[in-house]
Amino acid sequence: MAYKKLKYWFDEELALFLAKKILVHYPSFDKESFIQNLKLSLDALELKDRVEKITDEYILDFPLIIRSGLFT
């Protein structure tokens, strides 16, 4: 098996995997926008920045009630 740097695991394929998991619990999640926004920016980023970008894109589309901190 070929070696794959850790940063390359945080890619478009992971975004698709996460989007499918999110859609099960949050059907109005904008999967296409989530994936497209990540696809455009991940290649230029290092590991920590990729993790942060994925998190930021997820939060942008997450329900307002959760973002408000009501459940933290």
PDB file of N, CA and C in Angstrom:
ATOM      1  N   MET A   1       0.840  -1.176   0.000  1.00  0.00           N
ATOM      2  CA  MET A   1       0.000   0.000   0.000  1.00  0.00           C
ATOM      3  C   MET A   1       0.888   1.242   0.000  1.00  0.00           C
ATOM      4  N   ALA A   2       0.521   2.195  -0.823  1.00  0.00           N
ATOM      5  CA  ALA A   2       1.301   3.416  -0.931  1.00  0.00           C
ATOM      6  C   ALA A   2       1.072   4.310   0.285  1.00  0.00           C
ATOM      7  N   TYR A   3       2.121   4.983   0.677  1.00  0.00           N
ATOM      8  CA  TYR A   3       2.064   5.917   1.802  1.00  0.00           C
ATOM      9  C   TYR A   3       1.332   7.185   1.370  1.00  0.00           C
ATOM     10  N   LYS A   4       0.467   7.699   2.228  1.00  0.00           N
ATOM     11  CA  LYS A   4      -0.269   8.926   1.954  1.00  0.00           C
ATOM     12  C   LYS A   4      -0.081   9.863   3.145  1.00  0.00           C
ATOM     13  N   LYS A   5       0.465  11.052   2.891  1.00  0.00           N
ATOM     14  CA  LYS A   5       0.648  12.021   3.966  1.00  0.00           C
ATOM     15  C   LYS A   5      -0.692  12.318   4.631  1.00  0.00           C
ATOM     16  N   LEU A   6      -0.662  12.535   5.931  1.00  0.00           N
ATOM     17  CA  LEU A   6      -1.875  12.774   6.704  1.00  0.00           C
ATOM     18  C   LEU A   6      -2.708  13.919   6.135  1.00  0.00           C
ATOM     19  N   LYS A   7      -2.071  14.997   5.719  1.00  0.00           N
ATOM     20  CA  LYS A   7      -2.826  16.143   5.212  1.00  0.00           C
ATOM     21  C   LYS A   7      -3.685  15.782   4.006  1.00  0.00           C
ATOM     22  N   TYR A   8      -3.257  14.796   3.230  1.00  0.00           N
ATOM     23  CA  TYR A   8      -4.005  14.419   2.030  1.00  0.00           C
ATOM     24  C   TYR A   8      -5.244  13.574   2.333  1.00  0.00           C
ATOM     25  N   TRP A   9      -5.419  13.173   3.575  1.00  0.00           N
ATOM     26  CA  TRP A   9      -6.652  12.489   3.976  1.00  0.00           C
ATOM     27  C   TRP A   9      -7.788  13.491   4.138  1.00  0.00           C
ATOM     28  N   PHE A  10      -7.435  14.753   4.353  1.00  0.00           N
ATOM     29  CA  PHE A  10      -8.424  15.822   4.512  1.00  0.00           C
ATOM     30  C   PHE A  10      -8.632  16.473   3.142  1.00  0.00           C
ATOM     31  N   ASP A  11      -9.446  15.803   2.319  1.00  0.00           N
ATOM     32  CA  ASP A  11      -9.594  16.184   0.925  1.00  0.00           C
ATOM     33  C   ASP A  11     -11.062  16.153   0.502  1.00  0.00           C
ATOM     34  N   GLU A  12     -11.287  16.239  -0.791  1.00  0.00           N
ATOM     35  CA  GLU A  12     -12.652  16.228  -1.336  1.00  0.00           C
ATOM     36  C   GLU A  12     -13.379  14.920  -0.999  1.00  0.00           C
ATOM     37  N   GLU A  13     -12.650  13.835  -0.989  1.00  0.00           N
ATOM     38  CA  GLU A  13     -13.251  12.538  -0.654  1.00  0.00           C
ATOM     39  C   GLU A  13     -13.767  12.531   0.796  1.00  0.00           C
ATOM     40  N   LEU A  14     -13.008  13.106   1.714  1.00  0.00           N
ATOM     41  CA  LEU A  14     -13.465  13.215   3.101  1.00  0.00           C
ATOM     42  C   LEU A  14     -14.674  14.139   3.187  1.00  0.00           C
ATOM     43  N   ALA A  15     -14.659  15.234   2.431  1.00  0.00           N
ATOM     44  CA  ALA A  15     -15.794  16.162   2.420  1.00  0.00           C
ATOM     45  C   ALA A  15     -17.068  15.446   1.976  1.00  0.00           C
ATOM     46  N   LEU A  16     -16.967  14.623   0.965  1.00  0.00           N
ATOM     47  CA  LEU A  16     -18.122  13.856   0.490  1.00  0.00           C
ATOM     48  C   LEU A  16     -18.591  12.872   1.556  1.00  0.00           C
ATOM     49  N   PHE A  17     -17.665  12.176   2.179  1.00  0.00           N
ATOM     50  CA  PHE A  17     -17.983  11.227   3.244  1.00  0.00           C
ATOM     51  C   PHE A  17     -18.711  11.935   4.390  1.00  0.00           C
ATOM     52  N   LEU A  18     -18.172  13.067   4.831  1.00  0.00           N
ATOM     53  CA  LEU A  18     -18.780  13.825   5.927  1.00  0.00           C
ATOM     54  C   LEU A  18     -20.167  14.340   5.536  1.00  0.00           C
ATOM     55  N   ALA A  19     -20.292  14.844   4.312  1.00  0.00           N
ATOM     56  CA  ALA A  19     -21.575  15.369   3.844  1.00  0.00           C
ATOM     57  C   ALA A  19     -22.654  14.298   3.875  1.00  0.00           C
ATOM     58  N   LYS A  20     -22.320  13.096   3.465  1.00  0.00           N
ATOM     59  CA  LYS A  20     -23.288  11.991   3.489  1.00  0.00           C
ATOM     60  C   LYS A  20     -23.717  11.678   4.925  1.00  0.00           C
ATOM     61  N   LYS A  21     -22.784  11.695   5.846  1.00  0.00           N
ATOM     62  CA  LYS A  21     -23.093  11.430   7.260  1.00  0.00           C
ATOM     63  C   LYS A  21     -23.955  12.544   7.850  1.00  0.00           C
ATOM     64  N   ILE A  22     -23.648  13.789   7.491  1.00  0.00           N
ATOM     65  CA  ILE A  22     -24.403  14.931   7.998  1.00  0.00           C
ATOM     66  C   ILE A  22     -25.837  14.897   7.467  1.00  0.00           C
ATOM     67  N   LEU A  23     -26.006  14.572   6.191  1.00  0.00           N
ATOM     68  CA  LEU A  23     -27.332  14.560   5.567  1.00  0.00           C
ATOM     69  C   LEU A  23     -28.310  13.607   6.246  1.00  0.00           C
ATOM     70  N   VAL A  24     -27.809  12.550   6.828  1.00  0.00           N
ATOM     71  CA  VAL A  24     -28.671  11.604   7.533  1.00  0.00           C
ATOM     72  C   VAL A  24     -29.399  12.287   8.687  1.00  0.00           C
ATOM     73  N   HIS A  25     -28.708  13.195   9.362  1.00  0.00           N
ATOM     74  CA  HIS A  25     -29.253  13.855  10.548  1.00  0.00           C
ATOM     75  C   HIS A  25     -29.754  15.267  10.279  1.00  0.00           C
ATOM     76  N   TYR A  26     -29.323  15.851   9.185  1.00  0.00           N
ATOM     77  CA  TYR A  26     -29.660  17.232   8.854  1.00  0.00           C
ATOM     78  C   TYR A  26     -29.928  17.313   7.349  1.00  0.00           C
ATOM     79  N   PRO A  27     -31.119  16.873   6.911  1.00  0.00           N
ATOM     80  CA  PRO A  27     -31.445  16.751   5.483  1.00  0.00           C
ATOM     81  C   PRO A  27     -31.334  18.041   4.673  1.00  0.00           C
ATOM     82  N   SER A  28     -31.421  19.191   5.310  1.00  0.00           N
ATOM     83  CA  SER A  28     -31.322  20.437   4.543  1.00  0.00           C
ATOM     84  C   SER A  28     -29.869  20.916   4.386  1.00  0.00           C
ATOM     85  N   PHE A  29     -28.927  20.128   4.850  1.00  0.00           N
ATOM     86  CA  PHE A  29     -27.508  20.463   4.695  1.00  0.00           C
ATOM     87  C   PHE A  29     -27.180  20.610   3.214  1.00  0.00           C
ATOM     88  N   ASP A  30     -26.498  21.692   2.842  1.00  0.00           N
ATOM     89  CA  ASP A  30     -26.159  21.963   1.444  1.00  0.00           C
ATOM     90  C   ASP A  30     -24.866  21.229   1.067  1.00  0.00           C
ATOM     91  N   LYS A  31     -25.032  19.976   0.736  1.00  0.00           N
ATOM     92  CA  LYS A  31     -23.903  19.092   0.417  1.00  0.00           C
ATOM     93  C   LYS A  31     -23.064  19.639  -0.737  1.00  0.00           C
ATOM     94  N   GLU A  32     -23.723  20.067  -1.804  1.00  0.00           N
ATOM     95  CA  GLU A  32     -22.989  20.525  -2.989  1.00  0.00           C
ATOM     96  C   GLU A  32     -22.146  21.761  -2.691  1.00  0.00           C
ATOM     97  N   SER A  33     -22.709  22.696  -1.980  1.00  0.00           N
ATOM     98  CA  SER A  33     -21.975  23.913  -1.625  1.00  0.00           C
ATOM     99  C   SER A  33     -20.792  23.576  -0.716  1.00  0.00           C
ATOM    100  N   PHE A  34     -21.026  22.722   0.268  1.00  0.00           N
ATOM    101  CA  PHE A  34     -19.989  22.287   1.198  1.00  0.00           C
ATOM    102  C   PHE A  34     -18.802  21.692   0.444  1.00  0.00           C
ATOM    103  N   ILE A  35     -19.089  20.771  -0.444  1.00  0.00           N
ATOM    104  CA  ILE A  35     -18.024  20.096  -1.198  1.00  0.00           C
ATOM    105  C   ILE A  35     -17.337  21.062  -2.162  1.00  0.00           C
ATOM    106  N   GLN A  36     -18.113  21.855  -2.882  1.00  0.00           N
ATOM    107  CA  GLN A  36     -17.536  22.788  -3.850  1.00  0.00           C
ATOM    108  C   GLN A  36     -16.619  23.809  -3.177  1.00  0.00           C
ATOM    109  N   ASN A  37     -17.045  24.367  -2.054  1.00  0.00           N
ATOM    110  CA  ASN A  37     -16.217  25.354  -1.352  1.00  0.00           C
ATOM    111  C   ASN A  37     -14.911  24.740  -0.867  1.00  0.00           C
ATOM    112  N   LEU A  38     -14.960  23.503  -0.428  1.00  0.00           N
ATOM    113  CA  LEU A  38     -13.737  22.841   0.021  1.00  0.00           C
ATOM    114  C   LEU A  38     -12.848  22.466  -1.153  1.00  0.00           C
ATOM    115  N   LYS A  39     -13.453  22.001  -2.208  1.00  0.00           N
ATOM    116  CA  LYS A  39     -12.708  21.596  -3.397  1.00  0.00           C
ATOM    117  C   LYS A  39     -11.854  22.741  -3.937  1.00  0.00           C
ATOM    118  N   LEU A  40     -12.391  23.943  -3.851  1.00  0.00           N
ATOM    119  CA  LEU A  40     -11.692  25.118  -4.393  1.00  0.00           C
ATOM    120  C   LEU A  40     -10.504  25.562  -3.544  1.00  0.00           C
ATOM    121  N   SER A  41     -10.459  25.149  -2.279  1.00  0.00           N
ATOM    122  CA  SER A  41      -9.430  25.721  -1.409  1.00  0.00           C
ATOM    123  C   SER A  41      -8.482  24.733  -0.734  1.00  0.00           C
ATOM    124  N   LEU A  42      -8.837  23.476  -0.640  1.00  0.00           N
ATOM    125  CA  LEU A  42      -8.022  22.549   0.153  1.00  0.00           C
ATOM    126  C   LEU A  42      -6.627  22.284  -0.406  1.00  0.00           C
ATOM    127  N   ASP A  43      -6.481  22.248  -1.700  1.00  0.00           N
ATOM    128  CA  ASP A  43      -5.189  21.891  -2.290  1.00  0.00           C
ATOM    129  C   ASP A  43      -4.037  22.770  -1.821  1.00  0.00           C
ATOM    130  N   ALA A  44      -4.316  24.029  -1.586  1.00  0.00           N
ATOM    131  CA  ALA A  44      -3.256  24.966  -1.205  1.00  0.00           C
ATOM    132  C   ALA A  44      -2.948  24.966   0.292  1.00  0.00           C
ATOM    133  N   LEU A  45      -3.713  24.200   1.071  1.00  0.00           N
ATOM    134  CA  LEU A  45      -3.582  24.258   2.528  1.00  0.00           C
ATOM    135  C   LEU A  45      -2.787  23.101   3.112  1.00  0.00           C
ATOM    136  N   GLU A  46      -2.164  23.367   4.256  1.00  0.00           N
ATOM    137  CA  GLU A  46      -1.484  22.326   5.009  1.00  0.00           C
ATOM    138  C   GLU A  46      -2.488  21.660   5.948  1.00  0.00           C
ATOM    139  N   LEU A  47      -2.042  20.681   6.715  1.00  0.00           N
ATOM    140  CA  LEU A  47      -2.921  19.841   7.527  1.00  0.00           C
ATOM    141  C   LEU A  47      -3.847  20.633   8.450  1.00  0.00           C
ATOM    142  N   LYS A  48      -3.298  21.425   9.337  1.00  0.00           N
ATOM    143  CA  LYS A  48      -4.135  22.140  10.310  1.00  0.00           C
ATOM    144  C   LYS A  48      -5.097  23.101   9.624  1.00  0.00           C
ATOM    145  N   ASP A  49      -4.640  23.735   8.556  1.00  0.00           N
ATOM    146  CA  ASP A  49      -5.503  24.653   7.819  1.00  0.00           C
ATOM    147  C   ASP A  49      -6.630  23.907   7.100  1.00  0.00           C
ATOM    148  N   ARG A  50      -6.354  22.695   6.643  1.00  0.00           N
ATOM    149  CA  ARG A  50      -7.394  21.872   6.007  1.00  0.00           C
ATOM    150  C   ARG A  50      -8.466  21.490   7.027  1.00  0.00           C
ATOM    151  N   VAL A  51      -8.038  21.091   8.208  1.00  0.00           N
ATOM    152  CA  VAL A  51      -8.980  20.727   9.266  1.00  0.00           C
ATOM    153  C   VAL A  51      -9.837  21.941   9.620  1.00  0.00           C
ATOM    154  N   GLU A  52      -9.201  23.092   9.762  1.00  0.00           N
ATOM    155  CA  GLU A  52      -9.920  24.321  10.107  1.00  0.00           C
ATOM    156  C   GLU A  52     -10.907  24.715   9.010  1.00  0.00           C
ATOM    157  N   LYS A  53     -10.505  24.597   7.760  1.00  0.00           N
ATOM    158  CA  LYS A  53     -11.373  24.957   6.629  1.00  0.00           C
ATOM    159  C   LYS A  53     -12.601  24.048   6.578  1.00  0.00           C
ATOM    160  N   ILE A  54     -12.422  22.758   6.775  1.00  0.00           N
ATOM    161  CA  ILE A  54     -13.547  21.818   6.781  1.00  0.00           C
ATOM    162  C   ILE A  54     -14.510  22.175   7.908  1.00  0.00           C
ATOM    163  N   THR A  55     -13.971  22.458   9.069  1.00  0.00           N
ATOM    164  CA  THR A  55     -14.800  22.846  10.221  1.00  0.00           C
ATOM    165  C   THR A  55     -15.552  24.145   9.938  1.00  0.00           C
ATOM    166  N   ASP A  56     -14.867  25.127   9.392  1.00  0.00           N
ATOM    167  CA  ASP A  56     -15.497  26.413   9.094  1.00  0.00           C
ATOM    168  C   ASP A  56     -16.637  26.261   8.083  1.00  0.00           C
ATOM    169  N   GLU A  57     -16.429  25.466   7.055  1.00  0.00           N
ATOM    170  CA  GLU A  57     -17.472  25.262   6.043  1.00  0.00           C
ATOM    171  C   GLU A  57     -18.677  24.550   6.645  1.00  0.00           C
ATOM    172  N   TYR A  58     -18.433  23.627   7.528  1.00  0.00           N
ATOM    173  CA  TYR A  58     -19.515  22.904   8.195  1.00  0.00           C
ATOM    174  C   TYR A  58     -20.338  23.857   9.055  1.00  0.00           C
ATOM    175  N   ILE A  59     -19.671  24.682   9.818  1.00  0.00           N
ATOM    176  CA  ILE A  59     -20.346  25.618  10.715  1.00  0.00           C
ATOM    177  C   ILE A  59     -21.200  26.619   9.930  1.00  0.00           C
ATOM    178  N   LEU A  60     -20.748  27.024   8.753  1.00  0.00           N
ATOM    179  CA  LEU A  60     -21.505  27.982   7.945  1.00  0.00           C
ATOM    180  C   LEU A  60     -22.909  27.492   7.609  1.00  0.00           C
ATOM    181  N   ASP A  61     -23.074  26.194   7.455  1.00  0.00           N
ATOM    182  CA  ASP A  61     -24.369  25.655   7.061  1.00  0.00           C
ATOM    183  C   ASP A  61     -25.107  24.966   8.194  1.00  0.00           C
ATOM    184  N   PHE A  62     -24.524  24.949   9.369  1.00  0.00           N
ATOM    185  CA  PHE A  62     -25.157  24.269  10.490  1.00  0.00           C
ATOM    186  C   PHE A  62     -26.319  25.108  11.007  1.00  0.00           C
ATOM    187  N   PRO A  63     -27.343  24.485  11.557  1.00  0.00           N
ATOM    188  CA  PRO A  63     -28.510  25.247  12.006  1.00  0.00           C
ATOM    189  C   PRO A  63     -28.156  26.358  12.992  1.00  0.00           C
ATOM    190  N   LEU A  64     -28.820  27.474  12.847  1.00  0.00           N
ATOM    191  CA  LEU A  64     -28.561  28.640  13.678  1.00  0.00           C
ATOM    192  C   LEU A  64     -28.693  28.333  15.159  1.00  0.00           C
ATOM    193  N   ILE A  65     -29.614  27.503  15.532  1.00  0.00           N
ATOM    194  CA  ILE A  65     -29.822  27.192  16.958  1.00  0.00           C
ATOM    195  C   ILE A  65     -28.585  26.549  17.568  1.00  0.00           C
ATOM    196  N   ILE A  66     -27.888  25.747  16.807  1.00  0.00           N
ATOM    197  CA  ILE A  66     -26.664  25.113  17.313  1.00  0.00           C
ATOM    198  C   ILE A  66     -25.543  26.138  17.377  1.00  0.00           C
ATOM    199  N   ARG A  67     -25.400  26.950  16.328  1.00  0.00           N
ATOM    200  CA  ARG A  67     -24.342  27.965  16.298  1.00  0.00           C
ATOM    201  C   ARG A  67     -24.505  28.977  17.417  1.00  0.00           C
ATOM    202  N   SER A  68     -25.710  29.188  17.879  1.00  0.00           N
ATOM    203  CA  SER A  68     -25.948  30.195  18.917  1.00  0.00           C
ATOM    204  C   SER A  68     -25.316  29.808  20.249  1.00  0.00           C
ATOM    205  N   GLY A  69     -24.907  28.554  20.393  1.00  0.00           N
ATOM    206  CA  GLY A  69     -24.283  28.112  21.614  1.00  0.00           C
ATOM    207  C   GLY A  69     -25.277  27.572  22.628  1.00  0.00           C
ATOM    208  N   LEU A  70     -26.498  27.425  22.221  1.00  0.00           N
ATOM    209  CA  LEU A  70     -27.547  26.944  23.107  1.00  0.00           C
ATOM    210  C   LEU A  70     -27.224  25.564  23.675  1.00  0.00           C
ATOM    211  N   PHE A  71     -26.544  24.742  22.908  1.00  0.00           N
ATOM    212  CA  PHE A  71     -26.274  23.376  23.329  1.00  0.00           C
ATOM    213  C   PHE A  71     -24.813  23.140  23.690  1.00  0.00           C
ATOM    214  N   THR A  72     -24.062  24.182  23.995  1.00  0.00           N
ATOM    215  CA  THR A  72     -22.643  23.992  24.335  1.00  0.00           C
ATOM    216  C   THR A  72     -22.428  23.886  25.812  1.00  0.00           C
TER     217      THR A  72
END
